[in-house]
Full PDB file with SEQRES, HELIX, SHEET, SSBOND, CRYST1, ORIGX, SCALE, CONECT and MASTER records, all heavy atoms in Angstrom:
SEQRES   1 A   33  SER LEU ALA LYS ARG PHE ALA ASP GLU GLY THR ALA GLY          
SEQRES   2 A   33  THR PHE VAL GLY TYR LYS THR ASP ASP TYR LEU ILE ILE          
SEQRES   3 A   33  ALA SER ASP ALA GLN ARG SER                                  
HELIX    1 AA1 ALA A    3  ASP A    8  1                                   6    
SHEET    1 AA1 2 VAL A  16  LYS A  19  0                                        
SHEET    2 AA1 2 LEU A  24  ALA A  27 -1                                        
CRYST1    1.000    1.000    1.000  90.00  90.00  90.00 P 1           1          
ORIGX1      1.000000  0.000000  0.000000        0.00000                         
ORIGX2      0.000000  1.000000  0.000000        0.00000                         
ORIGX3      0.000000  0.000000  1.000000        0.00000                         
SCALE1      1.000000  0.000000  0.000000        0.00000                         
SCALE2      0.000000  1.000000  0.000000        0.00000                         
SCALE3      0.000000  0.000000  1.000000        0.00000                         
ATOM      1  N   SER A   1       2.670   7.450   1.760  1.00  0.00           N  
ATOM      2  CA  SER A   1       2.209   8.223   0.598  1.00  0.00           C  
ATOM      3  C   SER A   1       1.255   7.401  -0.262  1.00  0.00           C  
ATOM      4  O   SER A   1       0.377   7.957  -0.938  1.00  0.00           O  
ATOM      5  CB  SER A   1       3.400   8.687  -0.245  1.00  0.00           C  
ATOM      6  OG  SER A   1       4.148   7.565  -0.709  1.00  0.00           O  
ATOM      7  N   LEU A   2       1.401   6.080  -0.227  1.00  0.00           N  
ATOM      8  CA  LEU A   2       0.521   5.219  -1.009  1.00  0.00           C  
ATOM      9  C   LEU A   2      -0.903   5.246  -0.463  1.00  0.00           C  
ATOM     10  O   LEU A   2      -1.875   5.147  -1.221  1.00  0.00           O  
ATOM     11  CB  LEU A   2       1.051   3.785  -1.017  1.00  0.00           C  
ATOM     12  CG  LEU A   2       2.464   3.575  -1.561  1.00  0.00           C  
ATOM     13  CD1 LEU A   2       2.866   2.110  -1.428  1.00  0.00           C  
ATOM     14  CD2 LEU A   2       2.568   4.018  -3.021  1.00  0.00           C  
ATOM     15  N   ALA A   3      -1.027   5.371   0.863  1.00  0.00           N  
ATOM     16  CA  ALA A   3      -2.354   5.387   1.477  1.00  0.00           C  
ATOM     17  C   ALA A   3      -3.165   6.595   1.030  1.00  0.00           C  
ATOM     18  O   ALA A   3      -4.402   6.539   0.991  1.00  0.00           O  
ATOM     19  CB  ALA A   3      -2.222   5.373   2.999  1.00  0.00           C  
ATOM     20  N   LYS A   4      -2.492   7.681   0.681  1.00  0.00           N  
ATOM     21  CA  LYS A   4      -3.192   8.887   0.244  1.00  0.00           C  
ATOM     22  C   LYS A   4      -4.001   8.639  -1.022  1.00  0.00           C  
ATOM     23  O   LYS A   4      -5.022   9.298  -1.255  1.00  0.00           O  
ATOM     24  CB  LYS A   4      -2.188  10.025   0.020  1.00  0.00           C  
ATOM     25  CG  LYS A   4      -2.822  11.379  -0.273  1.00  0.00           C  
ATOM     26  CD  LYS A   4      -1.767  12.464  -0.369  1.00  0.00           C  
ATOM     27  CE  LYS A   4      -2.409  13.828  -0.592  1.00  0.00           C  
ATOM     28  NZ  LYS A   4      -3.159  13.912  -1.860  1.00  0.00           N  
ATOM     29  N   ARG A   5      -3.588   7.690  -1.830  1.00  0.00           N  
ATOM     30  CA  ARG A   5      -4.323   7.360  -3.058  1.00  0.00           C  
ATOM     31  C   ARG A   5      -5.763   6.944  -2.727  1.00  0.00           C  
ATOM     32  O   ARG A   5      -6.700   7.311  -3.432  1.00  0.00           O  
ATOM     33  CB  ARG A   5      -3.624   6.232  -3.813  1.00  0.00           C  
ATOM     34  CG  ARG A   5      -2.279   6.591  -4.421  1.00  0.00           C  
ATOM     35  CD  ARG A   5      -2.444   7.444  -5.647  1.00  0.00           C  
ATOM     36  NE  ARG A   5      -1.196   7.576  -6.405  1.00  0.00           N  
ATOM     37  CZ  ARG A   5      -1.048   8.351  -7.474  1.00  0.00           C  
ATOM     38  NH1 ARG A   5      -2.089   9.068  -7.912  1.00  0.00           N  
ATOM     39  NH2 ARG A   5       0.101   8.417  -8.109  1.00  0.00           N  
ATOM     40  N   PHE A   6      -5.914   6.162  -1.663  1.00  0.00           N  
ATOM     41  CA  PHE A   6      -7.258   5.716  -1.269  1.00  0.00           C  
ATOM     42  C   PHE A   6      -8.081   6.883  -0.730  1.00  0.00           C  
ATOM     43  O   PHE A   6      -9.262   7.026  -1.047  1.00  0.00           O  
ATOM     44  CB  PHE A   6      -7.161   4.598  -0.228  1.00  0.00           C  
ATOM     45  CG  PHE A   6      -6.513   3.350  -0.744  1.00  0.00           C  
ATOM     46  CD1 PHE A   6      -5.169   3.098  -0.507  1.00  0.00           C  
ATOM     47  CD2 PHE A   6      -7.247   2.418  -1.465  1.00  0.00           C  
ATOM     48  CE1 PHE A   6      -4.565   1.942  -0.976  1.00  0.00           C  
ATOM     49  CE2 PHE A   6      -6.648   1.262  -1.947  1.00  0.00           C  
ATOM     50  CZ  PHE A   6      -5.304   1.024  -1.701  1.00  0.00           C  
ATOM     51  N   ALA A   7      -7.447   7.714   0.094  1.00  0.00           N  
ATOM     52  CA  ALA A   7      -8.148   8.877   0.651  1.00  0.00           C  
ATOM     53  C   ALA A   7      -8.604   9.809  -0.459  1.00  0.00           C  
ATOM     54  O   ALA A   7      -9.717  10.364  -0.413  1.00  0.00           O  
ATOM     55  CB  ALA A   7      -7.236   9.615   1.630  1.00  0.00           C  
ATOM     56  N   ASP A   8      -7.766   9.989  -1.476  1.00  0.00           N  
ATOM     57  CA  ASP A   8      -8.123  10.860  -2.599  1.00  0.00           C  
ATOM     58  C   ASP A   8      -9.326  10.327  -3.371  1.00  0.00           C  
ATOM     59  O   ASP A   8     -10.033  11.093  -4.030  1.00  0.00           O  
ATOM     60  CB  ASP A   8      -6.937  11.028  -3.547  1.00  0.00           C  
ATOM     61  CG  ASP A   8      -5.823  11.880  -2.946  1.00  0.00           C  
ATOM     62  OD1 ASP A   8      -6.078  12.541  -1.923  1.00  0.00           O  
ATOM     63  OD2 ASP A   8      -4.698  11.860  -3.493  1.00  0.00           O  
ATOM     64  N   GLU A   9      -9.559   9.016  -3.305  1.00  0.00           N  
ATOM     65  CA  GLU A   9     -10.716   8.401  -3.957  1.00  0.00           C  
ATOM     66  C   GLU A   9     -11.942   8.386  -3.055  1.00  0.00           C  
ATOM     67  O   GLU A   9     -12.993   7.854  -3.437  1.00  0.00           O  
ATOM     68  CB  GLU A   9     -10.382   6.964  -4.381  1.00  0.00           C  
ATOM     69  CG  GLU A   9      -9.540   6.857  -5.637  1.00  0.00           C  
ATOM     70  CD  GLU A   9     -10.293   7.261  -6.896  1.00  0.00           C  
ATOM     71  OE1 GLU A   9     -11.538   7.190  -6.902  1.00  0.00           O  
ATOM     72  OE2 GLU A   9      -9.634   7.667  -7.869  1.00  0.00           O  
ATOM     73  N   GLY A  10     -11.796   8.913  -1.855  1.00  0.00           N  
ATOM     74  CA  GLY A  10     -12.920   8.962  -0.943  1.00  0.00           C  
ATOM     75  C   GLY A  10     -13.245   7.632  -0.297  1.00  0.00           C  
ATOM     76  O   GLY A  10     -14.394   7.354   0.035  1.00  0.00           O  
ATOM     77  N   THR A  11     -12.215   6.826  -0.101  1.00  0.00           N  
ATOM     78  CA  THR A  11     -12.440   5.517   0.511  1.00  0.00           C  
ATOM     79  C   THR A  11     -11.241   5.131   1.366  1.00  0.00           C  
ATOM     80  O   THR A  11     -10.273   5.894   1.499  1.00  0.00           O  
ATOM     81  CB  THR A  11     -12.703   4.447  -0.571  1.00  0.00           C  
ATOM     82  OG1 THR A  11     -13.123   3.236   0.057  1.00  0.00           O  
ATOM     83  CG2 THR A  11     -11.471   4.191  -1.427  1.00  0.00           C  
ATOM     84  N   ALA A  12     -11.307   3.953   1.963  1.00  0.00           N  
ATOM     85  CA  ALA A  12     -10.196   3.394   2.726  1.00  0.00           C  
ATOM     86  C   ALA A  12      -9.796   2.083   2.081  1.00  0.00           C  
ATOM     87  O   ALA A  12     -10.635   1.361   1.529  1.00  0.00           O  
ATOM     88  CB  ALA A  12     -10.602   3.162   4.180  1.00  0.00           C  
ATOM     89  N   GLY A  13      -8.511   1.783   2.148  1.00  0.00           N  
ATOM     90  CA  GLY A  13      -8.037   0.545   1.541  1.00  0.00           C  
ATOM     91  C   GLY A  13      -6.595   0.287   1.880  1.00  0.00           C  
ATOM     92  O   GLY A  13      -5.982   1.011   2.682  1.00  0.00           O  
ATOM     93  N   THR A  14      -6.041  -0.749   1.273  1.00  0.00           N  
ATOM     94  CA  THR A  14      -4.644  -1.097   1.502  1.00  0.00           C  
ATOM     95  C   THR A  14      -4.042  -1.672   0.231  1.00  0.00           C  
ATOM     96  O   THR A  14      -4.759  -2.251  -0.605  1.00  0.00           O  
ATOM     97  CB  THR A  14      -4.499  -2.091   2.668  1.00  0.00           C  
ATOM     98  OG1 THR A  14      -3.111  -2.264   2.980  1.00  0.00           O  
ATOM     99  CG2 THR A  14      -5.099  -3.445   2.340  1.00  0.00           C  
ATOM    100  N   PHE A  15      -2.742  -1.505   0.102  1.00  0.00           N  
ATOM    101  CA  PHE A  15      -2.002  -2.027  -1.053  1.00  0.00           C  
ATOM    102  C   PHE A  15      -0.689  -2.597  -0.550  1.00  0.00           C  
ATOM    103  O   PHE A  15      -0.005  -1.992   0.278  1.00  0.00           O  
ATOM    104  CB  PHE A  15      -1.722  -0.909  -2.057  1.00  0.00           C  
ATOM    105  CG  PHE A  15      -0.751  -1.286  -3.151  1.00  0.00           C  
ATOM    106  CD1 PHE A  15      -1.203  -1.949  -4.292  1.00  0.00           C  
ATOM    107  CD2 PHE A  15       0.603  -0.989  -3.038  1.00  0.00           C  
ATOM    108  CE1 PHE A  15      -0.311  -2.303  -5.304  1.00  0.00           C  
ATOM    109  CE2 PHE A  15       1.496  -1.337  -4.046  1.00  0.00           C  
ATOM    110  CZ  PHE A  15       1.030  -1.997  -5.175  1.00  0.00           C  
ATOM    111  N   VAL A  16      -0.347  -3.782  -1.061  1.00  0.00           N  
ATOM    112  CA  VAL A  16       0.953  -4.384  -0.779  1.00  0.00           C  
ATOM    113  C   VAL A  16       1.542  -4.867  -2.093  1.00  0.00           C  
ATOM    114  O   VAL A  16       0.864  -5.545  -2.874  1.00  0.00           O  
ATOM    115  CB  VAL A  16       0.842  -5.564   0.205  1.00  0.00           C  
ATOM    116  CG1 VAL A  16       2.235  -6.124   0.520  1.00  0.00           C  
ATOM    117  CG2 VAL A  16       0.152  -5.147   1.489  1.00  0.00           C  
ATOM    118  N   GLY A  17       2.783  -4.492  -2.349  1.00  0.00           N  
ATOM    119  CA  GLY A  17       3.491  -4.965  -3.537  1.00  0.00           C  
ATOM    120  C   GLY A  17       4.774  -5.675  -3.134  1.00  0.00           C  
ATOM    121  O   GLY A  17       5.470  -5.223  -2.221  1.00  0.00           O  
ATOM    122  N   TYR A  18       5.066  -6.774  -3.793  1.00  0.00           N  
ATOM    123  CA  TYR A  18       6.298  -7.520  -3.539  1.00  0.00           C  
ATOM    124  C   TYR A  18       7.141  -7.492  -4.802  1.00  0.00           C  
ATOM    125  O   TYR A  18       6.819  -8.134  -5.801  1.00  0.00           O  
ATOM    126  CB  TYR A  18       5.979  -8.955  -3.126  1.00  0.00           C  
ATOM    127  CG  TYR A  18       7.189  -9.880  -3.118  1.00  0.00           C  
ATOM    128  CD1 TYR A  18       8.380  -9.498  -2.500  1.00  0.00           C  
ATOM    129  CD2 TYR A  18       7.131 -11.130  -3.731  1.00  0.00           C  
ATOM    130  CE1 TYR A  18       9.476 -10.339  -2.507  1.00  0.00           C  
ATOM    131  CE2 TYR A  18       8.229 -11.972  -3.737  1.00  0.00           C  
ATOM    132  CZ  TYR A  18       9.403 -11.575  -3.131  1.00  0.00           C  
ATOM    133  OH  TYR A  18      10.504 -12.392  -3.139  1.00  0.00           O  
ATOM    134  N   LYS A  19       8.221  -6.713  -4.780  1.00  0.00           N  
ATOM    135  CA  LYS A  19       9.141  -6.610  -5.912  1.00  0.00           C  
ATOM    136  C   LYS A  19      10.110  -7.784  -5.836  1.00  0.00           C  
ATOM    137  O   LYS A  19      11.036  -7.796  -5.019  1.00  0.00           O  
ATOM    138  CB  LYS A  19       9.857  -5.262  -5.894  1.00  0.00           C  
ATOM    139  CG  LYS A  19       8.901  -4.071  -5.892  1.00  0.00           C  
ATOM    140  CD  LYS A  19       9.601  -2.749  -6.147  1.00  0.00           C  
ATOM    141  CE  LYS A  19       9.908  -2.592  -7.622  1.00  0.00           C  
ATOM    142  NZ  LYS A  19      10.471  -1.248  -7.943  1.00  0.00           N  
ATOM    143  N   THR A  20       9.874  -8.757  -6.697  1.00  0.00           N  
ATOM    144  CA  THR A  20      10.532 -10.050  -6.539  1.00  0.00           C  
ATOM    145  C   THR A  20      12.043  -9.977  -6.751  1.00  0.00           C  
ATOM    146  O   THR A  20      12.789 -10.688  -6.078  1.00  0.00           O  
ATOM    147  CB  THR A  20       9.920 -11.091  -7.497  1.00  0.00           C  
ATOM    148  OG1 THR A  20      10.138 -10.683  -8.857  1.00  0.00           O  
ATOM    149  CG2 THR A  20       8.425 -11.223  -7.248  1.00  0.00           C  
ATOM    150  N   ASP A  21      12.508  -9.152  -7.672  1.00  0.00           N  
ATOM    151  CA  ASP A  21      13.947  -9.064  -7.925  1.00  0.00           C  
ATOM    152  C   ASP A  21      14.693  -8.430  -6.753  1.00  0.00           C  
ATOM    153  O   ASP A  21      15.864  -8.744  -6.504  1.00  0.00           O  
ATOM    154  CB  ASP A  21      14.227  -8.273  -9.200  1.00  0.00           C  
ATOM    155  CG  ASP A  21      13.900  -9.061 -10.452  1.00  0.00           C  
ATOM    156  OD1 ASP A  21      13.624 -10.268 -10.325  1.00  0.00           O  
ATOM    157  OD2 ASP A  21      13.898  -8.470 -11.548  1.00  0.00           O  
ATOM    158  N   ASP A  22      14.018  -7.529  -6.053  1.00  0.00           N  
ATOM    159  CA  ASP A  22      14.647  -6.814  -4.943  1.00  0.00           C  
ATOM    160  C   ASP A  22      14.344  -7.466  -3.594  1.00  0.00           C  
ATOM    161  O   ASP A  22      14.849  -7.007  -2.567  1.00  0.00           O  
ATOM    162  CB  ASP A  22      14.159  -5.365  -4.899  1.00  0.00           C  
ATOM    163  CG  ASP A  22      14.503  -4.599  -6.169  1.00  0.00           C  
ATOM    164  OD1 ASP A  22      15.539  -4.920  -6.779  1.00  0.00           O  
ATOM    165  OD2 ASP A  22      13.734  -3.698  -6.541  1.00  0.00           O  
ATOM    166  N   TYR A  23      13.498  -8.512  -3.592  1.00  0.00           N  
ATOM    167  CA  TYR A  23      13.040  -9.127  -2.337  1.00  0.00           C  
ATOM    168  C   TYR A  23      12.489  -8.058  -1.397  1.00  0.00           C  
ATOM    169  O   TYR A  23      12.745  -8.066  -0.189  1.00  0.00           O  
ATOM    170  CB  TYR A  23      14.159  -9.916  -1.647  1.00  0.00           C  
ATOM    171  CG  TYR A  23      14.894 -10.854  -2.569  1.00  0.00           C  
ATOM    172  CD1 TYR A  23      16.282 -10.865  -2.623  1.00  0.00           C  
ATOM    173  CD2 TYR A  23      14.194 -11.726  -3.388  1.00  0.00           C  
ATOM    174  CE1 TYR A  23      16.964 -11.729  -3.475  1.00  0.00           C  
ATOM    175  CE2 TYR A  23      14.860 -12.588  -4.243  1.00  0.00           C  
ATOM    176  CZ  TYR A  23      16.244 -12.581  -4.291  1.00  0.00           C  
ATOM    177  OH  TYR A  23      16.906 -13.441  -5.142  1.00  0.00           O  
ATOM    178  N   LEU A  24      11.728  -7.120  -1.987  1.00  0.00           N  
ATOM    179  CA  LEU A  24      11.239  -5.965  -1.238  1.00  0.00           C  
ATOM    180  C   LEU A  24       9.717  -5.952  -1.204  1.00  0.00           C  
ATOM    181  O   LEU A  24       9.062  -5.998  -2.249  1.00  0.00           O  
ATOM    182  CB  LEU A  24      11.749  -4.667  -1.883  1.00  0.00           C  
ATOM    183  CG  LEU A  24      11.218  -3.364  -1.283  1.00  0.00           C  
ATOM    184  CD1 LEU A  24      11.658  -3.224   0.174  1.00  0.00           C  
ATOM    185  CD2 LEU A  24      11.696  -2.174  -2.125  1.00  0.00           C  
ATOM    186  N   ILE A  25       9.156  -5.909   0.012  1.00  0.00           N  
ATOM    187  CA  ILE A  25       7.719  -5.793   0.208  1.00  0.00           C  
ATOM    188  C   ILE A  25       7.409  -4.357   0.595  1.00  0.00           C  
ATOM    189  O   ILE A  25       7.971  -3.831   1.565  1.00  0.00           O  
ATOM    190  CB  ILE A  25       7.234  -6.755   1.313  1.00  0.00           C  
ATOM    191  CG1 ILE A  25       7.541  -8.202   0.924  1.00  0.00           C  
ATOM    192  CG2 ILE A  25       5.743  -6.579   1.572  1.00  0.00           C  
ATOM    193  CD1 ILE A  25       7.402  -9.181   2.063  1.00  0.00           C  
ATOM    194  N   ILE A  26       6.525  -3.726  -0.159  1.00  0.00           N  
ATOM    195  CA  ILE A  26       6.142  -2.339   0.081  1.00  0.00           C  
ATOM    196  C   ILE A  26       4.654  -2.305   0.391  1.00  0.00           C  
ATOM    197  O   ILE A  26       3.849  -2.837  -0.378  1.00  0.00           O  
ATOM    198  CB  ILE A  26       6.429  -1.458  -1.153  1.00  0.00           C  
ATOM    199  CG1 ILE A  26       7.914  -1.548  -1.533  1.00  0.00           C  
ATOM    200  CG2 ILE A  26       6.031  -0.011  -0.885  1.00  0.00           C  
ATOM    201  CD1 ILE A  26       8.228  -0.940  -2.892  1.00  0.00           C  
ATOM    202  N   ALA A  27       4.287  -1.698   1.513  1.00  0.00           N  
ATOM    203  CA  ALA A  27       2.889  -1.629   1.904  1.00  0.00           C  
ATOM    204  C   ALA A  27       2.482  -0.197   2.178  1.00  0.00           C  
ATOM    205  O   ALA A  27       3.302   0.647   2.557  1.00  0.00           O  
ATOM    206  CB  ALA A  27       2.629  -2.481   3.143  1.00  0.00           C  
ATOM    207  N   SER A  28       1.196   0.063   1.989  1.00  0.00           N  
ATOM    208  CA  SER A  28       0.675   1.407   2.228  1.00  0.00           C  
ATOM    209  C   SER A  28       0.419   1.653   3.710  1.00  0.00           C  
ATOM    210  O   SER A  28       0.234   2.806   4.120  1.00  0.00           O  
ATOM    211  CB  SER A  28      -0.627   1.606   1.445  1.00  0.00           C  
ATOM    212  OG  SER A  28      -1.622   0.687   1.870  1.00  0.00           O  
ATOM    213  N   ASP A  29       0.373   0.604   4.517  1.00  0.00           N  
ATOM    214  CA  ASP A  29       0.066   0.745   5.941  1.00  0.00           C  
ATOM    215  C   ASP A  29       0.497  -0.520   6.671  1.00  0.00           C  
ATOM    216  O   ASP A  29       0.763  -1.548   6.040  1.00  0.00           O  
ATOM    217  CB  ASP A  29      -1.437   0.971   6.148  1.00  0.00           C  
ATOM    218  CG  ASP A  29      -2.237  -0.245   5.696  1.00  0.00           C  
ATOM    219  OD1 ASP A  29      -2.554  -0.358   4.499  1.00  0.00           O  
ATOM    220  OD2 ASP A  29      -2.513  -1.100   6.559  1.00  0.00           O  
ATOM    221  N   ALA A  30       0.535  -0.437   7.997  1.00  0.00           N  
ATOM    222  CA  ALA A  30       0.938  -1.582   8.807  1.00  0.00           C  
ATOM    223  C   ALA A  30      -0.241  -2.337   9.388  1.00  0.00           C  
ATOM    224  O   ALA A  30      -0.061  -3.436   9.916  1.00  0.00           O  
ATOM    225  CB  ALA A  30       1.834  -1.104   9.956  1.00  0.00           C  
ATOM    226  N   GLN A  31      -1.445  -1.781   9.296  1.00  0.00           N  
ATOM    227  CA  GLN A  31      -2.591  -2.407   9.940  1.00  0.00           C  
ATOM    228  C   GLN A  31      -3.459  -3.186   8.960  1.00  0.00           C  
ATOM    229  O   GLN A  31      -3.555  -4.413   9.027  1.00  0.00           O  
ATOM    230  CB  GLN A  31      -3.447  -1.344  10.650  1.00  0.00           C  
ATOM    231  CG  GLN A  31      -4.686  -1.894  11.341  1.00  0.00           C  
ATOM    232  CD  GLN A  31      -4.354  -2.868  12.450  1.00  0.00           C  
ATOM    233  OE1 GLN A  31      -3.391  -2.670  13.188  1.00  0.00           O  
ATOM    234  NE2 GLN A  31      -5.136  -3.935  12.559  1.00  0.00           N  
ATOM    235  N   ARG A  32      -4.091  -2.478   8.014  1.00  0.00           N  
ATOM    236  CA  ARG A  32      -5.067  -3.137   7.154  1.00  0.00           C  
ATOM    237  C   ARG A  32      -4.413  -4.175   6.248  1.00  0.00           C  
ATOM    238  O   ARG A  32      -5.073  -5.130   5.818  1.00  0.00           O  
ATOM    239  CB  ARG A  32      -5.833  -2.101   6.332  1.00  0.00           C  
ATOM    240  CG  ARG A  32      -6.913  -2.717   5.447  1.00  0.00           C  
ATOM    241  CD  ARG A  32      -7.918  -1.694   4.996  1.00  0.00           C  
ATOM    242  NE  ARG A  32      -8.822  -2.241   3.996  1.00  0.00           N  
ATOM    243  CZ  ARG A  32     -10.042  -1.781   3.750  1.00  0.00           C  
ATOM    244  NH1 ARG A  32     -10.514  -0.753   4.436  1.00  0.00           N  
ATOM    245  NH2 ARG A  32     -10.788  -2.344   2.825  1.00  0.00           N  
ATOM    246  N   SER A  33      -3.130  -4.013   5.960  1.00  0.00           N  
ATOM    247  CA  SER A  33      -2.437  -4.990   5.121  1.00  0.00           C  
ATOM    248  C   SER A  33      -2.496  -6.385   5.721  1.00  0.00           C  
ATOM    249  O   SER A  33      -2.374  -7.379   5.010  1.00  0.00           O  
ATOM    250  CB  SER A  33      -0.984  -4.576   4.907  1.00  0.00           C  
ATOM    251  OG  SER A  33      -0.325  -4.439   6.167  1.00  0.00           O  
TER     252      SER A  33                                                      
MASTER        0    0    0    1    2    0    0    6  251    1    0    3          
END                                                                             
């Protein structure tokens, strides 16, 4: 669902967030990241 943000802007991209308290890495995709 995060990848849709880039498509809605008319471009391609990637986002990765690391929530340090949860030791959780969240990515918009498995490739471009």
